[in-house]
């Protein structure tokens, strides 16, 4: 087994949205929405755990709809919780028949 190189910079995109074929992007856009293909996260090149990982450490860039935002670990946690709660709320409204 090849030895892991700790010195080498390892960064990249989470969803690898750049590698999705055009026909698949069109299919995903019809099925999931217009910004689905543009959602991605790119790890910051100088990200280090030498700082406390739950504070205002800038960890990367969130990409939404062709725009890129530099985010901290705390902002990513808040974004994740907000998205989870939004999905949960939408499902509850559907079950209760409250959709407009």
C-alpha atoms as a PDB file:
ATOM      1  CA  UNK A   1       0.000   0.000   0.000  1.00  0.00           C
ATOM      2  CA  UNK A   2       1.293   3.435  -0.908  1.00  0.00           C
ATOM      3  CA  UNK A   3       2.354   5.627   2.016  1.00  0.00           C
ATOM      4  CA  UNK A   4       0.204   8.725   2.614  1.00  0.00           C
ATOM      5  CA  UNK A   5       2.048  11.972   1.850  1.00  0.00           C
ATOM      6  CA  UNK A   6       1.124  14.561   4.514  1.00  0.00           C
ATOM      7  CA  UNK A   7       3.076  17.341   2.810  1.00  0.00           C
ATOM      8  CA  UNK A   8       1.143  17.255  -0.479  1.00  0.00           C
ATOM      9  CA  UNK A   9      -1.660  19.826  -0.716  1.00  0.00           C
ATOM     10  CA  UNK A  10      -4.999  18.031  -1.047  1.00  0.00           C
ATOM     11  CA  UNK A  11      -7.958  20.129  -2.081  1.00  0.00           C
ATOM     12  CA  UNK A  12     -10.821  19.934  -4.509  1.00  0.00           C
ATOM     13  CA  UNK A  13     -14.529  20.075  -4.953  1.00  0.00           C
ATOM     14  CA  UNK A  14     -16.970  17.951  -2.997  1.00  0.00           C
ATOM     15  CA  UNK A  15     -19.620  17.314  -5.675  1.00  0.00           C
ATOM     16  CA  UNK A  16     -17.252  17.466  -8.670  1.00  0.00           C
ATOM     17  CA  UNK A  17     -19.936  19.394 -10.539  1.00  0.00           C
ATOM     18  CA  UNK A  18     -17.445  20.206 -13.298  1.00  0.00           C
ATOM     19  CA  UNK A  19     -17.321  16.521 -14.322  1.00  0.00           C
ATOM     20  CA  UNK A  20     -21.038  15.959 -14.937  1.00  0.00           C
ATOM     21  CA  UNK A  21     -21.882  15.485 -18.650  1.00  0.00           C
ATOM     22  CA  UNK A  22     -24.120  18.100 -20.289  1.00  0.00           C
ATOM     23  CA  UNK A  23     -27.052  15.713 -20.909  1.00  0.00           C
ATOM     24  CA  UNK A  24     -26.999  14.627 -17.266  1.00  0.00           C
ATOM     25  CA  UNK A  25     -26.912  18.299 -16.151  1.00  0.00           C
ATOM     26  CA  UNK A  26     -30.029  19.021 -18.221  1.00  0.00           C
ATOM     27  CA  UNK A  27     -31.786  15.971 -16.769  1.00  0.00           C
ATOM     28  CA  UNK A  28     -30.848  16.996 -13.207  1.00  0.00           C
ATOM     29  CA  UNK A  29     -32.023  20.568 -13.824  1.00  0.00           C
ATOM     30  CA  UNK A  30     -35.460  19.362 -14.952  1.00  0.00           C
ATOM     31  CA  UNK A  31     -35.759  16.901 -12.090  1.00  0.00           C
ATOM     32  CA  UNK A  32     -34.196  18.801  -9.151  1.00  0.00           C
ATOM     33  CA  UNK A  33     -34.193  22.526 -10.012  1.00  0.00           C
ATOM     34  CA  UNK A  34     -32.166  25.122 -11.851  1.00  0.00           C
ATOM     35  CA  UNK A  35     -29.343  25.578  -9.312  1.00  0.00           C
ATOM     36  CA  UNK A  36     -28.895  21.865  -8.489  1.00  0.00           C
ATOM     37  CA  UNK A  37     -25.904  21.471 -10.818  1.00  0.00           C
ATOM     38  CA  UNK A  38     -24.157  24.558  -9.453  1.00  0.00           C
ATOM     39  CA  UNK A  39     -24.142  23.500  -5.774  1.00  0.00           C
ATOM     40  CA  UNK A  40     -20.637  22.625  -4.681  1.00  0.00           C
ATOM     41  CA  UNK A  41     -18.003  23.177  -2.003  1.00  0.00           C
ATOM     42  CA  UNK A  42     -14.298  23.782  -2.608  1.00  0.00           C
ATOM     43  CA  UNK A  43     -11.835  23.305   0.261  1.00  0.00           C
ATOM     44  CA  UNK A  44      -9.642  26.304   1.084  1.00  0.00           C
ATOM     45  CA  UNK A  45      -6.055  25.875  -0.052  1.00  0.00           C
ATOM     46  CA  UNK A  46      -4.560  27.109   3.249  1.00  0.00           C
ATOM     47  CA  UNK A  47      -7.004  25.276   5.523  1.00  0.00           C
ATOM     48  CA  UNK A  48      -5.249  23.991   8.626  1.00  0.00           C
ATOM     49  CA  UNK A  49      -6.402  22.340  11.840  1.00  0.00           C
ATOM     50  CA  UNK A  50      -3.743  24.272  13.747  1.00  0.00           C
ATOM     51  CA  UNK A  51      -6.509  26.754  14.513  1.00  0.00           C
ATOM     52  CA  UNK A  52      -9.591  25.599  16.418  1.00  0.00           C
ATOM     53  CA  UNK A  53     -11.792  23.861  13.810  1.00  0.00           C
ATOM     54  CA  UNK A  54     -15.129  25.097  15.209  1.00  0.00           C
ATOM     55  CA  UNK A  55     -14.404  28.814  15.387  1.00  0.00           C
ATOM     56  CA  UNK A  56     -14.089  31.367  12.635  1.00  0.00           C
ATOM     57  CA  UNK A  57     -11.597  29.230  10.723  1.00  0.00           C
ATOM     58  CA  UNK A  58     -12.131  29.773   7.003  1.00  0.00           C
ATOM     59  CA  UNK A  59     -12.469  26.283   5.562  1.00  0.00           C
ATOM     60  CA  UNK A  60     -13.489  26.825   1.959  1.00  0.00           C
ATOM     61  CA  UNK A  61     -15.865  28.233  -0.600  1.00  0.00           C
ATOM     62  CA  UNK A  62     -19.526  27.344  -1.033  1.00  0.00           C
ATOM     63  CA  UNK A  63     -20.662  27.642  -4.643  1.00  0.00           C
ATOM     64  CA  UNK A  64     -24.331  28.396  -5.311  1.00  0.00           C
ATOM     65  CA  UNK A  65     -25.806  29.493  -8.609  1.00  0.00           C
ATOM     66  CA  UNK A  66     -22.525  30.579 -10.139  1.00  0.00           C
ATOM     67  CA  UNK A  67     -21.504  32.635  -7.100  1.00  0.00           C
ATOM     68  CA  UNK A  68     -18.797  31.686  -4.639  1.00  0.00           C
ATOM     69  CA  UNK A  69     -18.768  32.570  -0.922  1.00  0.00           C
ATOM     70  CA  UNK A  70     -15.860  32.040   1.468  1.00  0.00           C
ATOM     71  CA  UNK A  71     -17.254  30.380   4.598  1.00  0.00           C
ATOM     72  CA  UNK A  72     -16.094  29.471   8.072  1.00  0.00           C
ATOM     73  CA  UNK A  73     -16.701  26.218   9.923  1.00  0.00           C
ATOM     74  CA  UNK A  74     -19.402  27.902  12.041  1.00  0.00           C
ATOM     75  CA  UNK A  75     -21.169  29.239   8.932  1.00  0.00           C
ATOM     76  CA  UNK A  76     -21.141  25.787   7.339  1.00  0.00           C
ATOM     77  CA  UNK A  77     -22.656  24.280  10.483  1.00  0.00           C
ATOM     78  CA  UNK A  78     -25.381  26.949  10.527  1.00  0.00           C
ATOM     79  CA  UNK A  79     -26.064  26.481   6.805  1.00  0.00           C
ATOM     80  CA  UNK A  80     -26.375  22.724   7.240  1.00  0.00           C
ATOM     81  CA  UNK A  81     -28.765  23.068  10.190  1.00  0.00           C
ATOM     82  CA  UNK A  82     -30.861  25.635   8.306  1.00  0.00           C
ATOM     83  CA  UNK A  83     -31.142  23.391   5.246  1.00  0.00           C
ATOM     84  CA  UNK A  84     -32.055  20.367   7.370  1.00  0.00           C
ATOM     85  CA  UNK A  85     -34.749  22.334   9.206  1.00  0.00           C
ATOM     86  CA  UNK A  86     -36.127  23.705   5.910  1.00  0.00           C
ATOM     87  CA  UNK A  87     -36.523  20.191   4.470  1.00  0.00           C
ATOM     88  CA  UNK A  88     -38.115  18.976   7.702  1.00  0.00           C
ATOM     89  CA  UNK A  89     -40.567  21.899   7.724  1.00  0.00           C
ATOM     90  CA  UNK A  90     -41.542  21.323   4.083  1.00  0.00           C
ATOM     91  CA  UNK A  91     -42.212  17.630   4.779  1.00  0.00           C
ATOM     92  CA  UNK A  92     -44.338  18.485   7.833  1.00  0.00           C
ATOM     93  CA  UNK A  93     -46.396  21.003   5.860  1.00  0.00           C
ATOM     94  CA  UNK A  94     -46.975  18.406   3.140  1.00  0.00           C
ATOM     95  CA  UNK A  95     -48.077  15.744   5.666  1.00  0.00           C
ATOM     96  CA  UNK A  96     -50.484  18.219   7.314  1.00  0.00           C
ATOM     97  CA  UNK A  97     -51.879  19.364   3.963  1.00  0.00           C
ATOM     98  CA  UNK A  98     -50.810  22.983   4.492  1.00  0.00           C
ATOM     99  CA  UNK A  99     -49.120  23.518   1.110  1.00  0.00           C
ATOM    100  CA  UNK A 100     -50.436  26.541  -0.747  1.00  0.00           C
END
